[in-house]
PDB file of N, CA and C in Angstrom:
ATOM      1  N   MET A   1     -25.385  13.985  20.205  1.00  0.00           N
ATOM      2  CA  MET A   1     -24.706  12.894  19.300  1.00  0.00           C
ATOM      3  C   MET A   1     -23.541  12.412  18.186  1.00  0.00           C
ATOM      4  N   LYS A   2     -22.417  13.506  18.564  1.00  0.00           N
ATOM      5  CA  LYS A   2     -21.167  13.197  17.321  1.00  0.00           C
ATOM      6  C   LYS A   2     -20.816  12.208  18.713  1.00  0.00           C
ATOM      7  N   LYS A   3     -19.946  12.938  19.607  1.00  0.00           N
ATOM      8  CA  LYS A   3     -19.762  11.535  21.063  1.00  0.00           C
ATOM      9  C   LYS A   3     -20.352  10.398  20.973  1.00  0.00           C
ATOM     10  N   ILE A   4     -20.922  10.508  20.696  1.00  0.00           N
ATOM     11  CA  ILE A   4     -22.057   8.636  20.548  1.00  0.00           C
ATOM     12  C   ILE A   4     -21.430   8.109  19.217  1.00  0.00           C
ATOM     13  N   LEU A   5     -21.992   8.853  18.005  1.00  0.00           N
ATOM     14  CA  LEU A   5     -21.209   8.243  16.759  1.00  0.00           C
ATOM     15  C   LEU A   5     -19.598   7.839  16.849  1.00  0.00           C
ATOM     16  N   PHE A   6     -18.876   8.793  17.918  1.00  0.00           N
ATOM     17  CA  PHE A   6     -17.340   8.151  18.049  1.00  0.00           C
ATOM     18  C   PHE A   6     -16.990   7.478  18.997  1.00  0.00           C
ATOM     19  N   ALA A   7     -18.264   7.229  19.631  1.00  0.00           N
ATOM     20  CA  ALA A   7     -17.647   5.889  20.676  1.00  0.00           C
ATOM     21  C   ALA A   7     -18.090   4.674  20.202  1.00  0.00           C
ATOM     22  N   ALA A   8     -19.249   4.814  19.027  1.00  0.00           N
ATOM     23  CA  ALA A   8     -19.411   3.617  18.426  1.00  0.00           C
ATOM     24  C   ALA A   8     -18.462   3.391  17.028  1.00  0.00           C
ATOM     25  N   ALA A   9     -17.962   4.205  16.421  1.00  0.00           N
ATOM     26  CA  ALA A   9     -17.210   3.734  15.528  1.00  0.00           C
ATOM     27  C   ALA A   9     -15.500   3.060  16.105  1.00  0.00           C
ATOM     28  N   CYS A  10     -15.395   3.618  17.708  1.00  0.00           N
ATOM     29  CA  CYS A  10     -14.146   3.208  18.286  1.00  0.00           C
ATOM     30  C   CYS A  10     -14.816   1.656  18.481  1.00  0.00           C
ATOM     31  N   VAL A  11     -15.645   1.610  19.007  1.00  0.00           N
ATOM     32  CA  VAL A  11     -16.457  -0.010  19.806  1.00  0.00           C
ATOM     33  C   VAL A  11     -16.092  -1.282  18.205  1.00  0.00           C
ATOM     34  N   LEU A  12     -16.669  -0.080  17.271  1.00  0.00           N
ATOM     35  CA  LEU A  12     -16.654  -1.115  16.081  1.00  0.00           C
ATOM     36  C   LEU A  12     -15.542  -1.163  15.603  1.00  0.00           C
ATOM     37  N   SER A  13     -13.858  -0.114  15.338  1.00  0.00           N
ATOM     38  CA  SER A  13     -13.048  -0.742  15.308  1.00  0.00           C
ATOM     39  C   SER A  13     -12.126  -1.805  16.190  1.00  0.00           C
ATOM     40  N   LEU A  14     -12.646  -1.602  17.507  1.00  0.00           N
ATOM     41  CA  LEU A  14     -11.719  -2.613  18.288  1.00  0.00           C
ATOM     42  C   LEU A  14     -12.475  -3.800  18.471  1.00  0.00           C
ATOM     43  N   ALA A  15     -13.633  -3.907  18.470  1.00  0.00           N
ATOM     44  CA  ALA A  15     -14.766  -5.189  18.466  1.00  0.00           C
ATOM     45  C   ALA A  15     -14.481  -5.647  16.893  1.00  0.00           C
ATOM     46  N   GLY A  16     -14.972  -5.155  16.189  1.00  0.00           N
ATOM     47  CA  GLY A  16     -14.913  -5.880  14.612  1.00  0.00           C
ATOM     48  C   GLY A  16     -14.231  -6.516  13.954  1.00  0.00           C
ATOM     49  N   SER A  17     -13.018  -5.449  13.683  1.00  0.00           N
ATOM     50  CA  SER A  17     -11.706  -6.044  13.236  1.00  0.00           C
ATOM     51  C   SER A  17     -10.299  -6.184  13.195  1.00  0.00           C
ATOM     52  N   HIS A  18     -10.340  -5.798  13.937  1.00  0.00           N
ATOM     53  CA  HIS A  18      -8.813  -5.063  14.161  1.00  0.00           C
ATOM     54  C   HIS A  18      -8.424  -6.746  14.545  1.00  0.00           C
ATOM     55  N   PRO A  19      -7.629  -7.445  14.143  1.00  0.00           N
ATOM     56  CA  PRO A  19      -6.866  -8.796  14.008  1.00  0.00           C
ATOM     57  C   PRO A  19      -6.305  -9.242  15.283  1.00  0.00           C
ATOM     58  N   ALA A  20      -5.698  -8.232  16.250  1.00  0.00           N
ATOM     59  CA  ALA A  20      -5.142  -8.369  17.229  1.00  0.00           C
ATOM     60  C   ALA A  20      -6.209  -8.743  18.516  1.00  0.00           C
ATOM     61  N   LEU A  21      -7.251  -8.015  18.347  1.00  0.00           N
ATOM     62  CA  LEU A  21      -8.462  -8.212  19.157  1.00  0.00           C
ATOM     63  C   LEU A  21      -9.451  -9.355  18.882  1.00  0.00           C
ATOM     64  N   ALA A  22      -9.728  -9.245  17.898  1.00  0.00           N
ATOM     65  CA  ALA A  22     -10.327 -10.097  17.091  1.00  0.00           C
ATOM     66  C   ALA A  22     -10.040 -11.807  17.173  1.00  0.00           C
ATOM     67  N   GLY A  23      -8.544 -11.999  17.174  1.00  0.00           N
ATOM     68  CA  GLY A  23      -8.499 -13.019  17.576  1.00  0.00           C
ATOM     69  C   GLY A  23      -8.337 -13.914  16.025  1.00  0.00           C
ATOM     70  N   ALA A  24      -8.451 -13.640  14.909  1.00  0.00           N
ATOM     71  CA  ALA A  24      -8.774 -14.235  13.958  1.00  0.00           C
ATOM     72  C   ALA A  24      -7.937 -13.196  12.750  1.00  0.00           C
ATOM     73  N   GLN A  25      -7.642 -13.789  11.244  1.00  0.00           N
ATOM     74  CA  GLN A  25      -7.128 -12.358  10.391  1.00  0.00           C
ATOM     75  C   GLN A  25      -8.568 -12.114   9.981  1.00  0.00           C
ATOM     76  N   PRO A  26      -8.480 -10.877   9.746  1.00  0.00           N
ATOM     77  CA  PRO A  26      -9.733 -10.289   8.636  1.00  0.00           C
ATOM     78  C   PRO A  26      -9.811 -10.933   7.923  1.00  0.00           C
ATOM     79  N   PHE A  27     -11.189 -10.659   6.713  1.00  0.00           N
ATOM     80  CA  PHE A  27     -11.002 -10.713   5.161  1.00  0.00           C
ATOM     81  C   PHE A  27     -10.344 -10.249   4.677  1.00  0.00           C
ATOM     82  N   LEU A  28      -9.758 -10.604   3.344  1.00  0.00           N
ATOM     83  CA  LEU A  28      -8.945  -9.806   2.686  1.00  0.00           C
ATOM     84  C   LEU A  28      -9.934  -8.745   2.101  1.00  0.00           C
ATOM     85  N   GLY A  29      -9.050  -7.416   2.188  1.00  0.00           N
ATOM     86  CA  GLY A  29     -10.167  -6.611   1.633  1.00  0.00           C
ATOM     87  C   GLY A  29     -11.566  -6.188   2.319  1.00  0.00           C
ATOM     88  N   GLU A  30     -11.653  -6.421   3.975  1.00  0.00           N
ATOM     89  CA  GLU A  30     -12.181  -5.818   4.627  1.00  0.00           C
ATOM     90  C   GLU A  30     -11.788  -4.284   4.899  1.00  0.00           C
ATOM     91  N   ALA A  31     -12.805  -3.646   5.351  1.00  0.00           N
ATOM     92  CA  ALA A  31     -12.487  -2.340   5.937  1.00  0.00           C
ATOM     93  C   ALA A  31     -12.561  -1.732   7.408  1.00  0.00           C
ATOM     94  N   MET A  32     -11.856  -1.451   7.692  1.00  0.00           N
ATOM     95  CA  MET A  32     -11.961  -0.579   8.850  1.00  0.00           C
ATOM     96  C   MET A  32     -12.368   1.037   9.041  1.00  0.00           C
ATOM     97  N   THR A  33     -12.122   1.072  10.335  1.00  0.00           N
ATOM     98  CA  THR A  33     -12.171   2.737  10.652  1.00  0.00           C
ATOM     99  C   THR A  33     -11.562   2.511  12.252  1.00  0.00           C
ATOM    100  N   ALA A  34     -10.332   3.131  12.097  1.00  0.00           N
ATOM    101  CA  ALA A  34      -9.412   3.344  13.641  1.00  0.00           C
ATOM    102  C   ALA A  34      -9.001   5.067  14.336  1.00  0.00           C
ATOM    103  N   ALA A  35      -9.420   4.990  15.608  1.00  0.00           N
ATOM    104  CA  ALA A  35      -9.649   5.615  16.003  1.00  0.00           C
ATOM    105  C   ALA A  35      -7.803   5.860  16.440  1.00  0.00           C
ATOM    106  N   PHE A  36      -7.038   5.390  15.531  1.00  0.00           N
ATOM    107  CA  PHE A  36      -5.645   6.744  15.311  1.00  0.00           C
ATOM    108  C   PHE A  36      -5.246   6.655  14.189  1.00  0.00           C
ATOM    109  N   SER A  37      -4.337   7.331  14.442  1.00  0.00           N
ATOM    110  CA  SER A  37      -3.355   7.995  12.933  1.00  0.00           C
ATOM    111  C   SER A  37      -2.988   7.245  11.795  1.00  0.00           C
ATOM    112  N   PHE A  38      -2.783   5.744  12.073  1.00  0.00           N
ATOM    113  CA  PHE A  38      -1.984   5.266  10.951  1.00  0.00           C
ATOM    114  C   PHE A  38      -2.915   3.773  11.608  1.00  0.00           C
ATOM    115  N   CYS A  39      -2.855   2.760  10.338  1.00  0.00           N
ATOM    116  CA  CYS A  39      -2.885   1.425  10.357  1.00  0.00           C
ATOM    117  C   CYS A  39      -2.211   0.252  10.470  1.00  0.00           C
ATOM    118  N   PRO A  40      -2.535  -0.754  10.875  1.00  0.00           N
ATOM    119  CA  PRO A  40      -1.472  -1.220  11.204  1.00  0.00           C
ATOM    120  C   PRO A  40      -0.982  -2.181  10.526  1.00  0.00           C
ATOM    121  N   LYS A  41      -0.049  -3.138  10.732  1.00  0.00           N
ATOM    122  CA  LYS A  41       0.103  -3.756  10.104  1.00  0.00           C
ATOM    123  C   LYS A  41      -0.435  -4.716   9.289  1.00  0.00           C
ATOM    124  N   GLY A  42      -0.275  -5.544   7.972  1.00  0.00           N
ATOM    125  CA  GLY A  42      -1.359  -5.939   6.788  1.00  0.00           C
ATOM    126  C   GLY A  42      -2.902  -4.697   6.464  1.00  0.00           C
ATOM    127  N   TRP A  43      -2.195  -4.120   7.114  1.00  0.00           N
ATOM    128  CA  TRP A  43      -3.626  -3.102   6.260  1.00  0.00           C
ATOM    129  C   TRP A  43      -2.866  -1.740   5.939  1.00  0.00           C
ATOM    130  N   ALA A  44      -3.885  -1.159   4.584  1.00  0.00           N
ATOM    131  CA  ALA A  44      -3.015   0.539   3.772  1.00  0.00           C
ATOM    132  C   ALA A  44      -4.145   1.133   4.328  1.00  0.00           C
ATOM    133  N   ALA A  45      -4.277   2.330   4.143  1.00  0.00           N
ATOM    134  CA  ALA A  45      -5.095   3.778   4.389  1.00  0.00           C
ATOM    135  C   ALA A  45      -5.647   3.049   3.066  1.00  0.00           C
ATOM    136  N   MET A  46      -6.941   3.775   2.802  1.00  0.00           N
ATOM    137  CA  MET A  46      -7.883   4.064   2.219  1.00  0.00           C
ATOM    138  C   MET A  46      -8.075   5.311   1.519  1.00  0.00           C
ATOM    139  N   ASN A  47      -6.820   5.423   0.355  1.00  0.00           N
ATOM    140  CA  ASN A  47      -6.487   7.021  -0.054  1.00  0.00           C
ATOM    141  C   ASN A  47      -6.916   6.725  -1.292  1.00  0.00           C
ATOM    142  N   GLY A  48      -6.587   5.884  -2.092  1.00  0.00           N
ATOM    143  CA  GLY A  48      -6.824   5.399  -3.790  1.00  0.00           C
ATOM    144  C   GLY A  48      -5.618   5.304  -4.239  1.00  0.00           C
ATOM    145  N   GLN A  49      -4.456   5.008  -3.466  1.00  0.00           N
ATOM    146  CA  GLN A  49      -2.929   4.769  -4.023  1.00  0.00           C
ATOM    147  C   GLN A  49      -3.126   3.388  -5.121  1.00  0.00           C
ATOM    148  N   LEU A  50      -2.134   3.535  -5.971  1.00  0.00           N
ATOM    149  CA  LEU A  50      -1.921   2.331  -6.678  1.00  0.00           C
ATOM    150  C   LEU A  50      -1.118   1.357  -5.984  1.00  0.00           C
ATOM    151  N   LEU A  51      -1.644   0.104  -6.294  1.00  0.00           N
ATOM    152  CA  LEU A  51      -0.871  -1.109  -5.873  1.00  0.00           C
ATOM    153  C   LEU A  51      -0.290  -1.967  -6.740  1.00  0.00           C
ATOM    154  N   PRO A  52       0.984  -2.550  -7.545  1.00  0.00           N
ATOM    155  CA  PRO A  52       1.271  -3.903  -8.017  1.00  0.00           C
ATOM    156  C   PRO A  52       0.142  -4.629  -8.424  1.00  0.00           C
ATOM    157  N   ILE A  53       0.103  -5.465  -9.551  1.00  0.00           N
ATOM    158  CA  ILE A  53      -0.855  -6.560  -9.153  1.00  0.00           C
ATOM    159  C   ILE A  53       0.066  -7.828  -8.555  1.00  0.00           C
ATOM    160  N   ASN A  54       1.167  -8.134  -8.893  1.00  0.00           N
ATOM    161  CA  ASN A  54       1.783  -9.231  -9.013  1.00  0.00           C
ATOM    162  C   ASN A  54       2.007  -9.418  -7.248  1.00  0.00           C
ATOM    163  N   GLN A  55       1.717  -8.223  -6.684  1.00  0.00           N
ATOM    164  CA  GLN A  55       2.206  -8.322  -5.692  1.00  0.00           C
ATOM    165  C   GLN A  55       0.672  -8.646  -4.181  1.00  0.00           C
ATOM    166  N   ASN A  56      -0.022  -8.612  -5.118  1.00  0.00           N
ATOM    167  CA  ASN A  56      -1.579  -7.997  -4.347  1.00  0.00           C
ATOM    168  C   ASN A  56      -2.293  -9.195  -5.711  1.00  0.00           C
ATOM    169  N   GLN A  57      -1.915 -10.087  -6.087  1.00  0.00           N
ATOM    170  CA  GLN A  57      -3.096 -10.883  -7.053  1.00  0.00           C
ATOM    171  C   GLN A  57      -4.730 -11.043  -6.356  1.00  0.00           C
ATOM    172  N   ALA A  58      -4.264 -11.379  -5.033  1.00  0.00           N
ATOM    173  CA  ALA A  58      -5.841 -11.896  -4.247  1.00  0.00           C
ATOM    174  C   ALA A  58      -6.833 -10.708  -4.492  1.00  0.00           C
ATOM    175  N   LEU A  59      -6.270  -9.742  -3.805  1.00  0.00           N
ATOM    176  CA  LEU A  59      -7.111  -8.372  -3.782  1.00  0.00           C
ATOM    177  C   LEU A  59      -7.279  -7.792  -4.985  1.00  0.00           C
ATOM    178  N   PHE A  60      -6.592  -7.783  -6.139  1.00  0.00           N
ATOM    179  CA  PHE A  60      -7.067  -7.449  -7.302  1.00  0.00           C
ATOM    180  C   PHE A  60      -7.808  -7.657  -7.606  1.00  0.00           C
ATOM    181  N   SER A  61      -7.806  -9.735  -7.699  1.00  0.00           N
ATOM    182  CA  SER A  61      -9.065 -10.505  -8.164  1.00  0.00           C
ATOM    183  C   SER A  61     -10.509  -9.809  -7.085  1.00  0.00           C
ATOM    184  N   LEU A  62     -10.068  -9.203  -6.210  1.00  0.00           N
ATOM    185  CA  LEU A  62     -11.748  -9.038  -5.538  1.00  0.00           C
ATOM    186  C   LEU A  62     -12.179  -7.876  -6.084  1.00  0.00           C
ATOM    187  N   LEU A  63     -10.838  -6.616  -5.870  1.00  0.00           N
ATOM    188  CA  LEU A  63     -11.266  -5.089  -6.347  1.00  0.00           C
ATOM    189  C   LEU A  63     -11.329  -4.892  -8.138  1.00  0.00           C
ATOM    190  N   GLY A  64     -10.782  -5.285  -8.602  1.00  0.00           N
ATOM    191  CA  GLY A  64     -10.199  -5.528  -9.794  1.00  0.00           C
ATOM    192  C   GLY A  64      -9.389  -3.824 -10.377  1.00  0.00           C
ATOM    193  N   THR A  65     -10.306  -3.239 -11.331  1.00  0.00           N
ATOM    194  CA  THR A  65      -9.994  -1.749 -12.083  1.00  0.00           C
ATOM    195  C   THR A  65     -11.326  -0.913 -11.437  1.00  0.00           C
ATOM    196  N   ASN A  66     -11.567  -1.360 -10.792  1.00  0.00           N
ATOM    197  CA  ASN A  66     -13.267  -0.447  -9.848  1.00  0.00           C
ATOM    198  C   ASN A  66     -12.791   0.693  -9.187  1.00  0.00           C
ATOM    199  N   TYR A  67     -11.857   1.228  -9.026  1.00  0.00           N
ATOM    200  CA  TYR A  67     -11.425   1.921  -7.862  1.00  0.00           C
ATOM    201  C   TYR A  67     -10.325   3.322  -8.889  1.00  0.00           C
ATOM    202  N   GLY A  68     -10.028   2.158  -9.906  1.00  0.00           N
ATOM    203  CA  GLY A  68      -8.424   2.494 -10.775  1.00  0.00           C
ATOM    204  C   GLY A  68      -7.511   2.182 -10.909  1.00  0.00           C
ATOM    205  N   GLY A  69      -6.979   2.549 -11.747  1.00  0.00           N
ATOM    206  CA  GLY A  69      -5.019   1.603 -12.512  1.00  0.00           C
ATOM    207  C   GLY A  69      -5.244   0.552 -14.013  1.00  0.00           C
ATOM    208  N   ASP A  70      -4.316   0.468 -14.663  1.00  0.00           N
ATOM    209  CA  ASP A  70      -4.583  -0.055 -15.453  1.00  0.00           C
ATOM    210  C   ASP A  70      -5.183  -1.688 -15.310  1.00  0.00           C
ATOM    211  N   GLY A  71      -5.337  -2.222 -14.827  1.00  0.00           N
ATOM    212  CA  GLY A  71      -5.448  -3.499 -14.765  1.00  0.00           C
ATOM    213  C   GLY A  71      -4.071  -4.568 -15.254  1.00  0.00           C
ATOM    214  N   ARG A  72      -3.217  -4.306 -16.103  1.00  0.00           N
ATOM    215  CA  ARG A  72      -2.199  -4.694 -16.793  1.00  0.00           C
ATOM    216  C   ARG A  72      -0.981  -5.002 -15.467  1.00  0.00           C
ATOM    217  N   VAL A  73      -0.690  -3.936 -15.302  1.00  0.00           N
ATOM    218  CA  VAL A  73       0.243  -3.769 -13.863  1.00  0.00           C
ATOM    219  C   VAL A  73      -0.277  -3.348 -12.103  1.00  0.00           C
ATOM    220  N   THR A  74      -0.996  -2.183 -11.944  1.00  0.00           N
ATOM    221  CA  THR A  74      -1.531  -1.386 -11.360  1.00  0.00           C
ATOM    222  C   THR A  74      -3.059  -2.102 -10.733  1.00  0.00           C
ATOM    223  N   PHE A  75      -3.391  -1.685 -10.114  1.00  0.00           N
ATOM    224  CA  PHE A  75      -4.968  -1.533  -9.662  1.00  0.00           C
ATOM    225  C   PHE A  75      -4.754  -0.500  -8.220  1.00  0.00           C
ATOM    226  N   ALA A  76      -6.194  -0.020  -7.928  1.00  0.00           N
ATOM    227  CA  ALA A  76      -6.385   0.846  -7.110  1.00  0.00           C
ATOM    228  C   ALA A  76      -6.861   0.630  -5.519  1.00  0.00           C
ATOM    229  N   LEU A  77      -6.318   1.174  -4.114  1.00  0.00           N
ATOM    230  CA  LEU A  77      -7.501   1.264  -3.069  1.00  0.00           C
ATOM    231  C   LEU A  77      -8.601   1.716  -3.512  1.00  0.00           C
ATOM    232  N   PRO A  78      -9.565   1.771  -2.720  1.00  0.00           N
ATOM    233  CA  PRO A  78     -10.646   2.975  -3.014  1.00  0.00           C
ATOM    234  C   PRO A  78      -9.955   3.671  -1.871  1.00  0.00           C
ATOM    235  N   THR A  79     -11.033   5.246  -2.473  1.00  0.00           N
ATOM    236  CA  THR A  79     -10.775   6.179  -1.504  1.00  0.00           C
ATOM    237  C   THR A  79     -12.196   6.313  -0.480  1.00  0.00           C
ATOM    238  N   ALA A  80     -11.922   6.598   0.957  1.00  0.00           N
ATOM    239  CA  ALA A  80     -12.520   6.406   1.864  1.00  0.00           C
ATOM    240  C   ALA A  80     -12.643   8.005   1.618  1.00  0.00           C
ATOM    241  N   LYS A  81     -14.345   8.397   2.314  1.00  0.00           N
ATOM    242  CA  LYS A  81     -14.796   9.967   2.552  1.00  0.00           C
ATOM    243  C   LYS A  81     -14.357  10.043   3.826  1.00  0.00           C
ATOM    244  N   PRO A  82     -13.869  11.346   4.422  1.00  0.00           N
ATOM    245  CA  PRO A  82     -13.467  11.054   5.756  1.00  0.00           C
ATOM    246  C   PRO A  82     -14.011  11.084   7.148  1.00  0.00           C
ATOM    247  N   ILE A  83     -13.853  10.475   7.796  1.00  0.00           N
ATOM    248  CA  ILE A  83     -14.604  10.889   9.329  1.00  0.00           C
ATOM    249  C   ILE A  83     -13.888  11.729  10.387  1.00  0.00           C
ATOM    250  N   VAL A  84     -14.794  12.751  10.521  1.00  0.00           N
ATOM    251  CA  VAL A  84     -13.675  13.659  11.406  1.00  0.00           C
ATOM    252  C   VAL A  84     -14.782  12.831  12.798  1.00  0.00           C
ATOM    253  N   THR A  85     -14.247  13.029  14.264  1.00  0.00           N
ATOM    254  CA  THR A  85     -14.473  13.127  15.322  1.00  0.00           C
ATOM    255  C   THR A  85     -15.415  14.705  15.532  1.00  0.00           C
ATOM    256  N   ALA A  86     -16.280  14.552  16.869  1.00  0.00           N
ATOM    257  CA  ALA A  86     -16.952  15.883  17.713  1.00  0.00           C
ATOM    258  C   ALA A  86     -15.742  17.097  17.721  1.00  0.00           C
ATOM    259  N   THR A  87     -14.741  16.649  17.956  1.00  0.00           N
ATOM    260  CA  THR A  87     -13.113  17.200  18.318  1.00  0.00           C
ATOM    261  C   THR A  87     -12.608  18.046  17.592  1.00  0.00           C
ATOM    262  N   GLY A  88     -12.539  16.723  16.002  1.00  0.00           N
ATOM    263  CA  GLY A  88     -11.937  17.589  14.704  1.00  0.00           C
ATOM    264  C   GLY A  88     -11.041  16.686  14.475  1.00  0.00           C
ATOM    265  N   VAL A  89     -10.723  15.748  15.534  1.00  0.00           N
ATOM    266  CA  VAL A  89      -9.682  14.884  14.795  1.00  0.00           C
ATOM    267  C   VAL A  89     -10.520  13.525  13.268  1.00  0.00           C
ATOM    268  N   ALA A  90      -9.489  13.074  13.005  1.00  0.00           N
ATOM    269  CA  ALA A  90     -10.020  12.689  11.526  1.00  0.00           C
ATOM    270  C   ALA A  90      -9.414  11.222  12.159  1.00  0.00           C
ATOM    271  N   LEU A  91     -10.394  10.270  11.358  1.00  0.00           N
ATOM    272  CA  LEU A  91      -9.852   9.002  11.978  1.00  0.00           C
ATOM    273  C   LEU A  91      -9.542   8.145  11.080  1.00  0.00           C
ATOM    274  N   THR A  92      -8.671   7.429  11.176  1.00  0.00           N
ATOM    275  CA  THR A  92      -8.324   6.180   9.943  1.00  0.00           C
ATOM    276  C   THR A  92      -8.770   5.615   9.216  1.00  0.00           C
ATOM    277  N   GLN A  93      -9.616   5.312   8.114  1.00  0.00           N
ATOM    278  CA  GLN A  93      -9.997   4.363   7.465  1.00  0.00           C
ATOM    279  C   GLN A  93      -8.805   3.194   6.537  1.00  0.00           C
ATOM    280  N   CYS A  94      -8.953   2.313   7.071  1.00  0.00           N
ATOM    281  CA  CYS A  94      -8.178   1.316   6.243  1.00  0.00           C
ATOM    282  C   CYS A  94      -8.762   0.046   5.449  1.00  0.00           C
ATOM    283  N   ILE A  95      -8.078  -0.769   5.148  1.00  0.00           N
ATOM    284  CA  ILE A  95      -8.705  -2.075   4.104  1.00  0.00           C
ATOM    285  C   ILE A  95      -7.325  -3.471   4.483  1.00  0.00           C
ATOM    286  N   ALA A  96      -7.358  -4.148   4.748  1.00  0.00           N
ATOM    287  CA  ALA A  96      -7.243  -5.434   5.005  1.00  0.00           C
ATOM    288  C   ALA A  96      -6.408  -5.464   3.996  1.00  0.00           C
ATOM    289  N   LEU A  97      -4.823  -5.701   3.674  1.00  0.00           N
ATOM    290  CA  LEU A  97      -4.216  -6.308   2.766  1.00  0.00           C
ATOM    291  C   LEU A  97      -3.983  -7.899   2.596  1.00  0.00           C
ATOM    292  N   GLN A  98      -3.874  -8.284   3.632  1.00  0.00           N
ATOM    293  CA  GLN A  98      -3.578  -9.594   4.237  1.00  0.00           C
ATOM    294  C   GLN A  98      -5.209 -10.523   5.296  1.00  0.00           C
ATOM    295  N   GLY A  99      -5.190 -11.877   4.456  1.00  0.00           N
ATOM    296  CA  GLY A  99      -6.254 -12.320   5.107  1.00  0.00           C
ATOM    297  C   GLY A  99      -6.784 -13.063   4.730  1.00  0.00           C
ATOM    298  N   VAL A 100      -7.999 -13.533   5.163  1.00  0.00           N
ATOM    299  CA  VAL A 100      -8.649 -14.974   4.703  1.00  0.00           C
ATOM    300  C   VAL A 100      -9.463 -14.462   3.673  1.00  0.00           C
ATOM    301  N   PHE A 101      -9.386 -14.562   2.346  1.00  0.00           N
ATOM    302  CA  PHE A 101     -10.220 -15.233   0.866  1.00  0.00           C
ATOM    303  C   PHE A 101     -11.767 -15.107   1.673  1.00  0.00           C
ATOM    304  N   PRO A 102     -12.243 -14.098   1.252  1.00  0.00           N
ATOM    305  CA  PRO A 102     -14.125 -14.526   1.746  1.00  0.00           C
ATOM    306  C   PRO A 102     -14.655 -15.404   0.515  1.00  0.00           C
ATOM    307  N   SER A 103     -15.200 -16.293   1.068  1.00  0.00           N
ATOM    308  CA  SER A 103     -16.135 -17.031   0.281  1.00  0.00           C
ATOM    309  C   SER A 103     -17.629 -17.047   0.157  1.00  0.00           C
ATOM    310  N   ARG A 104     -17.923 -16.960  -0.829  1.00  0.00           N
ATOM    311  CA  ARG A 104     -20.080 -17.298  -0.982  1.00  0.00           C
ATOM    312  C   ARG A 104     -20.561 -18.099  -0.249  1.00  0.00           C
ATOM    313  N   ASP A 105     -19.986 -19.129   0.184  1.00  0.00           N
ATOM    314  CA  ASP A 105     -20.490 -20.352   0.515  1.00  0.00           C
ATOM    315  C   ASP A 105     -20.903 -20.071   2.606  1.00  0.00           C
TER     316      ASP A 105
END
C-alpha cells in the first residue's frame, strides 16, 4: 500500500505542478511534493521560513500572516507535515514563489 502511495505522489509531482514538465508557470502559492531532496528554482521548502514582504508582495497578498510573521516586514511560509516513503526517504514539499496570480473567475 505504501509503495502505491509513493508512486502516486511521484506521478502527481511530475504531472501536476512541476513547471518544466507542465509547460506553463505554476500558480503563485501552489504546493507540490517532489521526489528529490530540494525545491526547484522559483520554489521554496514549506518549512515555516520568514520572507520579506517587500520582495514577495504578491505571495504575501495570498498568504498574509496566517502562518506567522509580523505583517509589516515579514510573513511566513506554511509548515508541511513530513511525507515519508516506504523506504524511509522524506519527500520535499515546496511552494511556488513565482507564477501566475490565481483568479477567482
